[in-house]
Amino acid sequence: MTYMPPEYGHLLPRPFSIFSADREKGEVSILFEVRGRGTALLAGMRQGAPVKLLGPLGAGFPALQPDSLLVAGGVGLAPLAFLAASTEQRRTLVYGARTAKQLVCSPAELGLPNLTVVEATEDGSRGKRGTVTDILPGLLPGSRALFACGPQRMLAAVKGQALQAGVPAWISLEERMACGIGACLGCAVQTSGGYRRICRDGPVFPAGEVLFND
């Protein structure tokens, strides 16, 4: 979670996933989309301005297996790019957005060996025309595990496809957070085991446990 300096007049932090990390330099990068005043202020901060970070929080993805399938929508690419960088085993990333402009980086820019990237845009401006869930049926057979992050409607569809194919799946949920330590219950999500806190129990959950609203 990112806290901006007091002079920016924003009290509550913003939750983000780590996009990449340089352990030798002690640096991390985050990927976000400007959606409101908070992210607009963050995007406009001067270079070198101090930012307070709280994290890492909660539970992440399990270790990647060979022939894993990663599914990202929009800025949901961030945790999956970080996960993909944790191994050089064979894995496939399906990355989609509405338009080419919303695909924030190219496969070459990721620079990860043994990573096959399949891109999709709803308007056909880059990669395959359609959504990531249009592509998944042809990729799920033979996949040993699936990991996904993106908009809720996408995750609900991915969950259904993975369960139908019998592929173990984990999804990372996006939600606003206030405290980040599980005290305020502001990021609770309904699961088969009752309400769970994304900041403490998640953000990654087995797909079959998450109950999406129809």
C-alpha atoms as a PDB file:
ATOM      1  CA  MET A   1       0.000   0.000   0.000  1.00  0.00           C
ATOM      2  CA  THR A   2       1.249   3.466  -0.916  1.00  0.00           C
ATOM      3  CA  TYR A   3       0.865   6.479   1.363  1.00  0.00           C
ATOM      4  CA  MET A   4       1.415   9.890  -0.183  1.00  0.00           C
ATOM      5  CA  PRO A   5       3.065  12.712   1.791  1.00  0.00           C
ATOM      6  CA  PRO A   6       0.659  14.831   3.940  1.00  0.00           C
ATOM      7  CA  GLU A   7       0.996  17.856   1.676  1.00  0.00           C
ATOM      8  CA  TYR A   8      -0.895  15.965  -1.013  1.00  0.00           C
ATOM      9  CA  GLY A   9      -3.965  16.005   1.204  1.00  0.00           C
ATOM     10  CA  HIS A  10      -4.833  12.327   0.812  1.00  0.00           C
ATOM     11  CA  LEU A  11      -5.095  10.336   4.036  1.00  0.00           C
ATOM     12  CA  LEU A  12      -6.017   6.840   2.877  1.00  0.00           C
ATOM     13  CA  PRO A  13      -3.402   4.761   1.041  1.00  0.00           C
ATOM     14  CA  ARG A  14      -3.801   3.083  -2.334  1.00  0.00           C
ATOM     15  CA  PRO A  15      -3.187  -0.673  -2.752  1.00  0.00           C
ATOM     16  CA  PHE A  16      -0.937  -1.754  -5.627  1.00  0.00           C
ATOM     17  CA  SER A  17       0.794  -4.916  -6.758  1.00  0.00           C
ATOM     18  CA  ILE A  18       4.541  -5.092  -7.285  1.00  0.00           C
ATOM     19  CA  PHE A  19       5.246  -5.132 -11.014  1.00  0.00           C
ATOM     20  CA  SER A  20       8.999  -5.769 -10.818  1.00  0.00           C
ATOM     21  CA  ALA A  21      11.759  -5.723  -8.232  1.00  0.00           C
ATOM     22  CA  ASP A  22      15.523  -5.266  -8.184  1.00  0.00           C
ATOM     23  CA  ARG A  23      16.698  -6.944  -5.003  1.00  0.00           C
ATOM     24  CA  GLU A  24      20.288  -5.796  -5.419  1.00  0.00           C
ATOM     25  CA  LYS A  25      19.264  -2.123  -5.629  1.00  0.00           C
ATOM     26  CA  GLY A  26      16.399  -2.500  -3.156  1.00  0.00           C
ATOM     27  CA  GLU A  27      13.939  -1.058  -5.680  1.00  0.00           C
ATOM     28  CA  VAL A  28      10.416  -2.018  -6.677  1.00  0.00           C
ATOM     29  CA  SER A  29       8.146  -0.693  -9.411  1.00  0.00           C
ATOM     30  CA  ILE A  30       4.367  -0.529  -9.354  1.00  0.00           C
ATOM     31  CA  LEU A  31       1.915  -0.368 -12.221  1.00  0.00           C
ATOM     32  CA  PHE A  32      -1.331   1.566 -11.929  1.00  0.00           C
ATOM     33  CA  GLU A  33      -3.994   3.302 -13.974  1.00  0.00           C
ATOM     34  CA  VAL A  34      -5.131   6.863 -13.237  1.00  0.00           C
ATOM     35  CA  ARG A  35      -8.772   6.448 -12.230  1.00  0.00           C
ATOM     36  CA  GLY A  36      -9.417   9.200  -9.692  1.00  0.00           C
ATOM     37  CA  ARG A  37      -7.897  11.983  -7.618  1.00  0.00           C
ATOM     38  CA  GLY A  38      -5.628   9.725  -5.583  1.00  0.00           C
ATOM     39  CA  THR A  39      -3.956   7.987  -8.507  1.00  0.00           C
ATOM     40  CA  ALA A  40      -3.814  11.299 -10.419  1.00  0.00           C
ATOM     41  CA  LEU A  41      -1.899  12.861  -7.528  1.00  0.00           C
ATOM     42  CA  LEU A  42       0.430   9.878  -7.370  1.00  0.00           C
ATOM     43  CA  ALA A  43       1.095  10.045 -11.110  1.00  0.00           C
ATOM     44  CA  GLY A  44       1.897  13.743 -10.813  1.00  0.00           C
ATOM     45  CA  MET A  45       4.362  13.482  -7.932  1.00  0.00           C
ATOM     46  CA  ARG A  46       7.747  15.026  -8.584  1.00  0.00           C
ATOM     47  CA  GLN A  47      10.700  12.714  -9.143  1.00  0.00           C
ATOM     48  CA  GLY A  48      12.476  11.988  -5.876  1.00  0.00           C
ATOM     49  CA  ALA A  49       9.453  12.780  -3.687  1.00  0.00           C
ATOM     50  CA  PRO A  50       9.234  10.421  -0.680  1.00  0.00           C
ATOM     51  CA  VAL A  51       6.520   7.765  -0.626  1.00  0.00           C
ATOM     52  CA  LYS A  52       5.716   5.566   2.357  1.00  0.00           C
ATOM     53  CA  LEU A  53       5.020   1.903   1.615  1.00  0.00           C
ATOM     54  CA  LEU A  54       3.338  -0.753   3.758  1.00  0.00           C
ATOM     55  CA  GLY A  55       3.834  -4.305   2.582  1.00  0.00           C
ATOM     56  CA  PRO A  56       3.973  -6.896   1.315  1.00  0.00           C
ATOM     57  CA  LEU A  57       0.530  -7.697   2.658  1.00  0.00           C
ATOM     58  CA  GLY A  58      -1.532 -10.873   2.804  1.00  0.00           C
ATOM     59  CA  ALA A  59      -1.050 -14.086   0.868  1.00  0.00           C
ATOM     60  CA  GLY A  60       0.382 -14.315  -2.636  1.00  0.00           C
ATOM     61  CA  PHE A  61       0.283 -16.882  -5.408  1.00  0.00           C
ATOM     62  CA  PRO A  62       1.712 -20.369  -4.813  1.00  0.00           C
ATOM     63  CA  ALA A  63       4.913 -21.284  -6.636  1.00  0.00           C
ATOM     64  CA  LEU A  64       4.651 -21.601 -10.392  1.00  0.00           C
ATOM     65  CA  GLN A  65       4.662 -25.058 -11.926  1.00  0.00           C
ATOM     66  CA  PRO A  66       5.885 -25.893 -15.428  1.00  0.00           C
ATOM     67  CA  ASP A  67       3.228 -25.246 -18.086  1.00  0.00           C
ATOM     68  CA  SER A  68       1.292 -22.833 -15.889  1.00  0.00           C
ATOM     69  CA  LEU A  69      -1.238 -20.493 -17.491  1.00  0.00           C
ATOM     70  CA  LEU A  70      -1.284 -16.840 -16.408  1.00  0.00           C
ATOM     71  CA  VAL A  71      -4.265 -14.632 -17.285  1.00  0.00           C
ATOM     72  CA  ALA A  72      -4.130 -10.834 -16.960  1.00  0.00           C
ATOM     73  CA  GLY A  73      -6.588  -8.087 -17.758  1.00  0.00           C
ATOM     74  CA  GLY A  74      -5.365  -4.480 -17.990  1.00  0.00           C
ATOM     75  CA  VAL A  75      -3.245  -3.426 -14.995  1.00  0.00           C
ATOM     76  CA  GLY A  76      -3.881  -6.907 -13.577  1.00  0.00           C
ATOM     77  CA  LEU A  77      -0.679  -7.664 -15.450  1.00  0.00           C
ATOM     78  CA  ALA A  78       1.403  -6.382 -12.505  1.00  0.00           C
ATOM     79  CA  PRO A  79       1.280  -9.340 -10.074  1.00  0.00           C
ATOM     80  CA  LEU A  80       1.439 -11.867 -12.898  1.00  0.00           C
ATOM     81  CA  ALA A  81       4.525 -10.289 -14.464  1.00  0.00           C
ATOM     82  CA  PHE A  82       6.151 -10.390 -11.016  1.00  0.00           C
ATOM     83  CA  LEU A  83       5.075 -14.014 -10.606  1.00  0.00           C
ATOM     84  CA  ALA A  84       6.321 -14.965 -14.078  1.00  0.00           C
ATOM     85  CA  ALA A  85       9.729 -13.484 -13.234  1.00  0.00           C
ATOM     86  CA  SER A  86      10.074 -15.882 -10.283  1.00  0.00           C
ATOM     87  CA  THR A  87      10.985 -18.795 -12.554  1.00  0.00           C
ATOM     88  CA  GLU A  88      12.300 -19.594 -16.022  1.00  0.00           C
ATOM     89  CA  GLN A  89      10.076 -22.643 -16.399  1.00  0.00           C
ATOM     90  CA  ARG A  90       7.705 -22.782 -19.368  1.00  0.00           C
ATOM     91  CA  ARG A  91       4.581 -20.692 -18.826  1.00  0.00           C
ATOM     92  CA  THR A  92       2.024 -18.898 -20.960  1.00  0.00           C
ATOM     93  CA  LEU A  93       0.608 -15.440 -20.295  1.00  0.00           C
ATOM     94  CA  VAL A  94      -2.727 -14.444 -21.808  1.00  0.00           C
ATOM     95  CA  TYR A  95      -2.941 -10.659 -21.627  1.00  0.00           C
ATOM     96  CA  GLY A  96      -5.982  -8.696 -22.687  1.00  0.00           C
ATOM     97  CA  ALA A  97      -7.580  -5.254 -22.688  1.00  0.00           C
ATOM     98  CA  ARG A  98     -10.209  -3.314 -24.609  1.00  0.00           C
ATOM     99  CA  THR A  99      -7.708  -1.638 -26.956  1.00  0.00           C
ATOM    100  CA  ALA A 100      -3.997  -1.799 -27.815  1.00  0.00           C
ATOM    101  CA  LYS A 101      -3.471   1.454 -25.895  1.00  0.00           C
ATOM    102  CA  GLN A 102      -4.511  -0.298 -22.682  1.00  0.00           C
ATOM    103  CA  LEU A 103      -1.924  -3.059 -23.118  1.00  0.00           C
ATOM    104  CA  VAL A 104       0.709  -1.381 -20.995  1.00  0.00           C
ATOM    105  CA  CYS A 105       3.761  -3.243 -22.279  1.00  0.00           C
ATOM    106  CA  SER A 106       4.814  -5.617 -25.026  1.00  0.00           C
ATOM    107  CA  PRO A 107       6.139  -9.186 -24.628  1.00  0.00           C
ATOM    108  CA  ALA A 108       9.620  -7.911 -25.511  1.00  0.00           C
ATOM    109  CA  GLU A 109       9.454  -5.311 -22.742  1.00  0.00           C
ATOM    110  CA  LEU A 110       8.742  -8.040 -20.191  1.00  0.00           C
ATOM    111  CA  GLY A 111      11.984  -9.730 -21.264  1.00  0.00           C
ATOM    112  CA  LEU A 112      11.245 -13.063 -19.571  1.00  0.00           C
ATOM    113  CA  PRO A 113      12.701 -16.291 -21.018  1.00  0.00           C
ATOM    114  CA  ASN A 114      10.414 -19.234 -21.768  1.00  0.00           C
ATOM    115  CA  LEU A 115       7.344 -17.012 -21.432  1.00  0.00           C
ATOM    116  CA  THR A 116       4.845 -17.258 -24.269  1.00  0.00           C
ATOM    117  CA  VAL A 117       2.588 -14.194 -24.440  1.00  0.00           C
ATOM    118  CA  VAL A 118      -0.796 -14.290 -26.169  1.00  0.00           C
ATOM    119  CA  GLU A 119      -2.354 -10.839 -26.496  1.00  0.00           C
ATOM    120  CA  ALA A 120      -6.022 -10.047 -27.040  1.00  0.00           C
ATOM    121  CA  THR A 121      -7.927  -6.818 -27.568  1.00  0.00           C
ATOM    122  CA  GLU A 122     -11.670  -6.484 -27.817  1.00  0.00           C
ATOM    123  CA  ASP A 123     -11.416  -4.187 -30.844  1.00  0.00           C
ATOM    124  CA  GLY A 124      -8.733  -6.294 -32.564  1.00  0.00           C
ATOM    125  CA  SER A 125      -6.196  -3.445 -32.565  1.00  0.00           C
ATOM    126  CA  ARG A 126      -3.460  -5.782 -31.254  1.00  0.00           C
ATOM    127  CA  GLY A 127      -3.153  -9.517 -30.915  1.00  0.00           C
ATOM    128  CA  LYS A 128      -6.236 -11.693 -31.235  1.00  0.00           C
ATOM    129  CA  ARG A 129      -9.642 -10.064 -31.468  1.00  0.00           C
ATOM    130  CA  GLY A 130     -11.756 -10.809 -28.413  1.00  0.00           C
ATOM    131  CA  THR A 131     -11.306 -11.244 -24.693  1.00  0.00           C
ATOM    132  CA  VAL A 132      -8.940 -13.442 -22.725  1.00  0.00           C
ATOM    133  CA  THR A 133     -11.848 -15.758 -21.952  1.00  0.00           C
ATOM    134  CA  ASP A 134     -12.397 -16.255 -25.681  1.00  0.00           C
ATOM    135  CA  ILE A 135      -8.852 -17.623 -25.896  1.00  0.00           C
ATOM    136  CA  LEU A 136      -8.725 -19.770 -22.744  1.00  0.00           C
ATOM    137  CA  PRO A 137     -10.681 -22.822 -23.974  1.00  0.00           C
ATOM    138  CA  GLY A 138      -7.906 -23.602 -26.442  1.00  0.00           C
ATOM    139  CA  LEU A 139      -5.157 -23.216 -23.825  1.00  0.00           C
ATOM    140  CA  LEU A 140      -6.601 -24.851 -20.718  1.00  0.00           C
ATOM    141  CA  PRO A 141      -6.137 -28.470 -21.885  1.00  0.00           C
ATOM    142  CA  GLY A 142      -2.644 -29.491 -20.822  1.00  0.00           C
ATOM    143  CA  SER A 143      -2.209 -26.613 -18.362  1.00  0.00           C
ATOM    144  CA  ARG A 144      -1.223 -27.707 -14.875  1.00  0.00           C
ATOM    145  CA  ALA A 145      -2.404 -24.579 -13.054  1.00  0.00           C
ATOM    146  CA  LEU A 146      -3.959 -21.187 -13.736  1.00  0.00           C
ATOM    147  CA  PHE A 147      -3.242 -17.832 -12.096  1.00  0.00           C
ATOM    148  CA  ALA A 148      -5.290 -14.722 -12.872  1.00  0.00           C
ATOM    149  CA  CYS A 149      -5.738 -11.055 -11.991  1.00  0.00           C
ATOM    150  CA  GLY A 150      -7.985  -8.452 -13.577  1.00  0.00           C
ATOM    151  CA  PRO A 151     -11.503  -7.025 -13.534  1.00  0.00           C
ATOM    152  CA  GLN A 152     -14.093  -8.912 -11.489  1.00  0.00           C
ATOM    153  CA  ARG A 153     -16.207  -9.948 -14.491  1.00  0.00           C
ATOM    154  CA  MET A 154     -13.121 -11.417 -16.137  1.00  0.00           C
ATOM    155  CA  LEU A 155     -12.154 -13.320 -12.989  1.00  0.00           C
ATOM    156  CA  ALA A 156     -15.656 -14.740 -12.612  1.00  0.00           C
ATOM    157  CA  ALA A 157     -15.537 -16.064 -16.185  1.00  0.00           C
ATOM    158  CA  VAL A 158     -12.003 -17.422 -15.754  1.00  0.00           C
ATOM    159  CA  LYS A 159     -13.063 -19.195 -12.571  1.00  0.00           C
ATOM    160  CA  GLY A 160     -15.911 -20.941 -14.393  1.00  0.00           C
ATOM    161  CA  GLN A 161     -13.720 -22.018 -17.297  1.00  0.00           C
ATOM    162  CA  ALA A 162     -10.963 -23.351 -15.033  1.00  0.00           C
ATOM    163  CA  LEU A 163     -13.392 -25.314 -12.853  1.00  0.00           C
ATOM    164  CA  GLN A 164     -15.080 -26.790 -15.923  1.00  0.00           C
ATOM    165  CA  ALA A 165     -11.703 -27.862 -17.323  1.00  0.00           C
ATOM    166  CA  GLY A 166     -10.578 -29.291 -13.990  1.00  0.00           C
ATOM    167  CA  VAL A 167      -7.522 -26.998 -13.823  1.00  0.00           C
ATOM    168  CA  PRO A 168      -6.495 -25.762 -10.333  1.00  0.00           C
ATOM    169  CA  ALA A 169      -6.800 -21.968 -10.318  1.00  0.00           C
ATOM    170  CA  TRP A 170      -5.912 -19.046  -8.092  1.00  0.00           C
ATOM    171  CA  ILE A 171      -7.143 -15.479  -8.557  1.00  0.00           C
ATOM    172  CA  SER A 172      -5.868 -12.173  -7.184  1.00  0.00           C
ATOM    173  CA  LEU A 173      -8.683  -9.792  -6.275  1.00  0.00           C
ATOM    174  CA  GLU A 174      -8.646  -6.021  -6.627  1.00  0.00           C
ATOM    175  CA  GLU A 175     -10.322  -3.961  -3.912  1.00  0.00           C
ATOM    176  CA  ARG A 176      -9.974  -0.639  -2.101  1.00  0.00           C
ATOM    177  CA  MET A 177      -8.222  -0.909   1.265  1.00  0.00           C
ATOM    178  CA  ALA A 178      -8.145   1.479   4.208  1.00  0.00           C
ATOM    179  CA  CYS A 179      -5.994   0.014   6.998  1.00  0.00           C
ATOM    180  CA  GLY A 180      -4.220  -2.852   5.223  1.00  0.00           C
ATOM    181  CA  ILE A 181      -3.936  -4.862   8.461  1.00  0.00           C
ATOM    182  CA  GLY A 182      -7.369  -6.466   8.652  1.00  0.00           C
ATOM    183  CA  ALA A 183      -8.847  -4.184  11.308  1.00  0.00           C
ATOM    184  CA  CYS A 184     -11.366  -2.101   9.349  1.00  0.00           C
ATOM    185  CA  LEU A 185     -12.954  -4.922   7.296  1.00  0.00           C
ATOM    186  CA  GLY A 186     -13.301  -2.491   4.395  1.00  0.00           C
ATOM    187  CA  CYS A 187     -11.926  -4.972   1.857  1.00  0.00           C
ATOM    188  CA  ALA A 188     -13.991  -8.008   2.834  1.00  0.00           C
ATOM    189  CA  VAL A 189     -15.024 -10.414   0.070  1.00  0.00           C
ATOM    190  CA  GLN A 190     -17.582 -13.208   0.214  1.00  0.00           C
ATOM    191  CA  THR A 191     -16.211 -16.739  -0.065  1.00  0.00           C
ATOM    192  CA  SER A 192     -17.519 -20.241   0.471  1.00  0.00           C
ATOM    193  CA  GLY A 193     -15.973 -20.038   3.952  1.00  0.00           C
ATOM    194  CA  GLY A 194     -17.628 -16.740   4.856  1.00  0.00           C
ATOM    195  CA  TYR A 195     -16.332 -13.199   4.468  1.00  0.00           C
ATOM    196  CA  ARG A 196     -12.555 -12.937   4.138  1.00  0.00           C
ATOM    197  CA  ARG A 197     -10.267  -9.894   4.220  1.00  0.00           C
ATOM    198  CA  ILE A 198      -8.354  -9.259   1.015  1.00  0.00           C
ATOM    199  CA  CYS A 199      -5.504  -7.475   2.819  1.00  0.00           C
ATOM    200  CA  ARG A 200      -4.887 -10.329   5.288  1.00  0.00           C
ATOM    201  CA  ASP A 201      -6.431 -13.500   3.835  1.00  0.00           C
ATOM    202  CA  GLY A 202      -5.848 -12.555   0.187  1.00  0.00           C
ATOM    203  CA  PRO A 203      -5.505 -10.914  -2.218  1.00  0.00           C
ATOM    204  CA  VAL A 204      -4.939 -14.368  -3.742  1.00  0.00           C
ATOM    205  CA  PHE A 205      -7.596 -17.020  -3.176  1.00  0.00           C
ATOM    206  CA  PRO A 206      -8.304 -20.428  -4.697  1.00  0.00           C
ATOM    207  CA  ALA A 207     -10.752 -19.570  -7.466  1.00  0.00           C
ATOM    208  CA  GLY A 208     -13.356 -22.072  -6.310  1.00  0.00           C
ATOM    209  CA  GLU A 209     -13.695 -20.330  -2.925  1.00  0.00           C
ATOM    210  CA  VAL A 210     -14.639 -16.876  -4.233  1.00  0.00           C
ATOM    211  CA  LEU A 211     -18.358 -16.112  -4.626  1.00  0.00           C
ATOM    212  CA  PHE A 212     -19.030 -13.543  -7.332  1.00  0.00           C
ATOM    213  CA  ASN A 213     -22.294 -11.617  -7.599  1.00  0.00           C
ATOM    214  CA  ASP A 214     -24.252 -12.543 -10.704  1.00  0.00           C
END
